[in-house]
Amino acid sequence: MKPKVYLETTIPSLLVARPGRDLIVAADQQTTLEWWDTRRGRFQLFVSELVLEEAAKGDRLLAGRRLAAIAPCGVLKASDAARLLTVQLLASGLIPGKAAADAAHIALAAVHGMDFLLTWNCRHIANAMTVDRVRGLCAREGFPAPVICTPYELMLP
């Protein structure tokens, strides 16, 4: 069985974004495209209702492209367990209140047993200073957290 990957909203966003002028963003976009074209077939891909909501915002043309890209993905539903874990992540201070959606992405991936959470959000999700403690909190609540990583880290040989 293929490993399960939760795609946080930054993945479809960079996948279809107009080419970035910033060199770091442009490199992230290129890596996302490469992962999508060469590696995604090795995984079962999932998004959540939250990802669908976030992807639908903004420029209509780009929103349409984001939604089309993730249309084949399985959709994870919010649950009481995911809402409670979100609250616990926020209450812990590991994820700030202003980033409640980021806590929800982590909670949804953990509650639904994803193997990986793929993101470019390195401020609140794939943050090396907090990721181990976030995963520990999830595990203490009975939900082994997925490996939280960027597409760079999920490039298989």
Protein backbone atom coordinates (compact mmCIF):
# COMPACT_ATOMS: atom_id res chain seq x y z
CA MET A 1 0.00 0.00 0.00
CA LYS A 2 1.29 3.46 -0.88
CA PRO A 3 2.12 5.91 1.94
CA LYS A 4 -0.58 8.51 2.62
CA VAL A 5 0.29 12.18 2.13
CA TYR A 6 -1.78 15.13 3.32
CA LEU A 7 -1.23 18.10 1.02
CA GLU A 8 -1.43 21.36 2.97
CA THR A 9 -2.61 24.36 0.93
CA THR A 10 0.86 25.69 0.13
CA ILE A 11 1.48 22.69 -2.13
CA PRO A 12 -1.29 23.34 -4.69
CA SER A 13 -0.63 27.07 -4.30
CA LEU A 14 3.00 26.80 -5.39
CA LEU A 15 2.14 24.14 -7.94
CA VAL A 16 0.03 26.53 -10.03
CA ALA A 17 1.40 29.94 -9.00
CA ARG A 18 2.79 32.38 -11.49
CA PRO A 19 6.59 32.16 -11.53
CA GLY A 20 8.01 33.90 -8.49
CA ARG A 21 10.58 36.68 -8.71
CA ASP A 22 12.08 35.77 -5.34
CA LEU A 23 14.76 33.12 -5.91
CA ILE A 24 13.74 31.06 -2.87
CA VAL A 25 10.08 31.03 -3.88
CA ALA A 26 11.01 30.20 -7.47
CA ALA A 27 13.13 27.27 -6.25
CA ASP A 28 10.28 26.05 -4.04
CA GLN A 29 7.91 26.28 -6.99
CA GLN A 30 10.29 24.29 -9.17
CA THR A 31 10.72 21.64 -6.48
CA THR A 32 6.96 21.40 -6.06
CA LEU A 33 6.50 20.91 -9.80
CA GLU A 34 9.24 18.30 -9.90
CA TRP A 35 7.76 16.40 -6.94
CA TRP A 36 4.28 16.59 -8.50
CA ASP A 37 5.48 15.37 -11.89
CA THR A 38 7.88 12.66 -10.77
CA ARG A 39 7.03 11.51 -7.23
CA ARG A 40 3.36 12.00 -6.40
CA GLY A 41 2.37 8.72 -8.06
CA ARG A 42 4.20 6.88 -5.28
CA PHE A 43 1.73 8.16 -2.70
CA GLN A 44 -1.97 8.26 -1.89
CA LEU A 45 -2.80 11.97 -1.84
CA PHE A 46 -5.29 13.63 0.49
CA VAL A 47 -6.51 17.12 1.21
CA SER A 48 -9.14 18.30 3.66
CA GLU A 49 -12.24 20.41 3.41
CA LEU A 50 -10.07 23.19 4.89
CA VAL A 51 -7.56 22.87 2.04
CA LEU A 52 -10.43 23.07 -0.46
CA GLU A 53 -11.73 26.24 1.23
CA GLU A 54 -8.30 27.88 1.30
CA ALA A 55 -7.46 26.85 -2.27
CA ALA A 56 -10.70 28.40 -3.53
CA LYS A 57 -9.73 31.87 -2.26
CA GLY A 58 -7.99 34.62 -4.19
CA ASP A 59 -7.49 35.02 -7.91
CA ARG A 60 -10.28 33.09 -9.64
CA LEU A 61 -8.07 31.67 -12.39
CA LEU A 62 -5.42 30.43 -9.97
CA ALA A 63 -8.07 29.18 -7.54
CA GLY A 64 -9.58 27.14 -10.36
CA ARG A 65 -6.17 25.68 -11.19
CA ARG A 66 -5.47 24.83 -7.55
CA LEU A 67 -8.81 23.08 -7.19
CA ALA A 68 -8.35 21.21 -10.48
CA ALA A 69 -4.91 20.00 -9.41
CA ILE A 70 -6.19 18.56 -6.14
CA ALA A 71 -9.53 17.29 -7.46
CA PRO A 72 -8.31 13.65 -7.67
CA CYS A 73 -7.19 13.68 -4.01
CA GLY A 74 -9.16 12.05 -1.24
CA VAL A 75 -10.89 14.56 1.04
CA LEU A 76 -10.54 14.24 4.80
CA LYS A 77 -13.53 15.36 6.84
CA ALA A 78 -13.31 17.41 9.99
CA SER A 79 -14.22 15.47 13.12
CA ASP A 80 -14.67 16.13 16.81
CA ALA A 81 -11.29 14.48 17.43
CA ALA A 82 -9.57 16.77 14.92
CA ARG A 83 -11.26 19.86 16.39
CA LEU A 84 -10.19 18.84 19.91
CA LEU A 85 -6.61 18.19 18.81
CA THR A 86 -6.57 21.59 17.07
CA VAL A 87 -7.62 23.24 20.33
CA GLN A 88 -4.91 21.34 22.22
CA LEU A 89 -2.23 22.37 19.72
CA LEU A 90 -3.25 25.99 20.11
CA ALA A 91 -3.52 25.78 23.91
CA SER A 92 0.00 24.33 24.09
CA GLY A 93 1.42 27.50 22.54
CA LEU A 94 3.27 25.46 19.93
CA ILE A 95 1.03 26.94 17.25
CA PRO A 96 -0.05 30.56 17.83
CA GLY A 97 -3.74 31.46 17.90
CA LYS A 98 -3.39 33.49 14.71
CA ALA A 99 -2.41 30.26 12.95
CA ALA A 100 -5.45 28.18 13.95
CA ALA A 101 -5.81 26.86 10.40
CA ASP A 102 -2.23 25.55 10.56
CA ALA A 103 -3.03 23.71 13.79
CA ALA A 104 -6.12 22.27 12.07
CA HIS A 105 -4.02 20.95 9.16
CA ILE A 106 -1.73 19.14 11.61
CA ALA A 107 -4.68 17.78 13.58
CA LEU A 108 -6.52 16.55 10.49
CA ALA A 109 -3.44 14.76 9.19
CA ALA A 110 -2.76 13.16 12.57
CA VAL A 111 -6.33 12.09 13.32
CA HIS A 112 -6.71 10.55 9.86
CA GLY A 113 -3.47 8.58 10.12
CA MET A 114 -1.50 10.25 7.36
CA ASP A 115 2.10 9.12 6.94
CA PHE A 116 3.26 12.55 5.75
CA LEU A 117 2.07 16.15 5.91
CA LEU A 118 3.57 17.97 2.93
CA THR A 119 3.87 21.73 3.27
CA TRP A 120 5.93 24.81 2.52
CA ASN A 121 4.68 26.49 5.71
CA CYS A 122 7.90 26.46 7.71
CA ARG A 123 6.75 29.13 10.13
CA HIS A 124 4.03 27.19 11.94
CA ILE A 125 3.94 23.66 10.52
CA ALA A 126 7.33 22.41 9.27
CA ASN A 127 9.22 24.40 11.89
CA ALA A 128 12.31 22.59 13.14
CA MET A 129 12.01 24.33 16.53
CA THR A 130 8.54 22.93 17.25
CA VAL A 131 7.86 19.94 15.00
CA ASP A 132 9.09 17.29 17.46
CA ARG A 133 7.00 18.77 20.28
CA VAL A 134 3.95 19.02 18.00
CA ARG A 135 4.36 15.38 17.02
CA GLY A 136 4.80 14.44 20.69
CA LEU A 137 1.60 16.24 21.68
CA CYS A 138 -0.31 14.42 18.93
CA ALA A 139 1.09 11.07 20.05
CA ARG A 140 0.18 11.73 23.71
CA GLU A 141 -3.38 12.36 22.54
CA GLY A 142 -3.41 8.99 20.77
CA PHE A 143 -2.70 10.16 17.22
CA PRO A 144 0.77 9.38 15.90
CA ALA A 145 1.57 12.49 13.89
CA PRO A 146 2.70 12.27 10.31
CA VAL A 147 6.20 13.16 9.26
CA ILE A 148 5.96 16.89 8.56
CA CYS A 149 8.12 17.87 5.61
CA THR A 150 8.58 19.89 2.44
CA PRO A 151 8.72 18.40 -1.06
CA TYR A 152 12.54 18.63 -0.87
CA GLU A 153 12.43 16.08 1.92
CA LEU A 154 9.99 13.77 0.16
CA MET A 155 12.03 13.27 -3.00
CA LEU A 156 12.62 9.54 -3.23
CA PRO A 157 15.45 8.04 -5.25
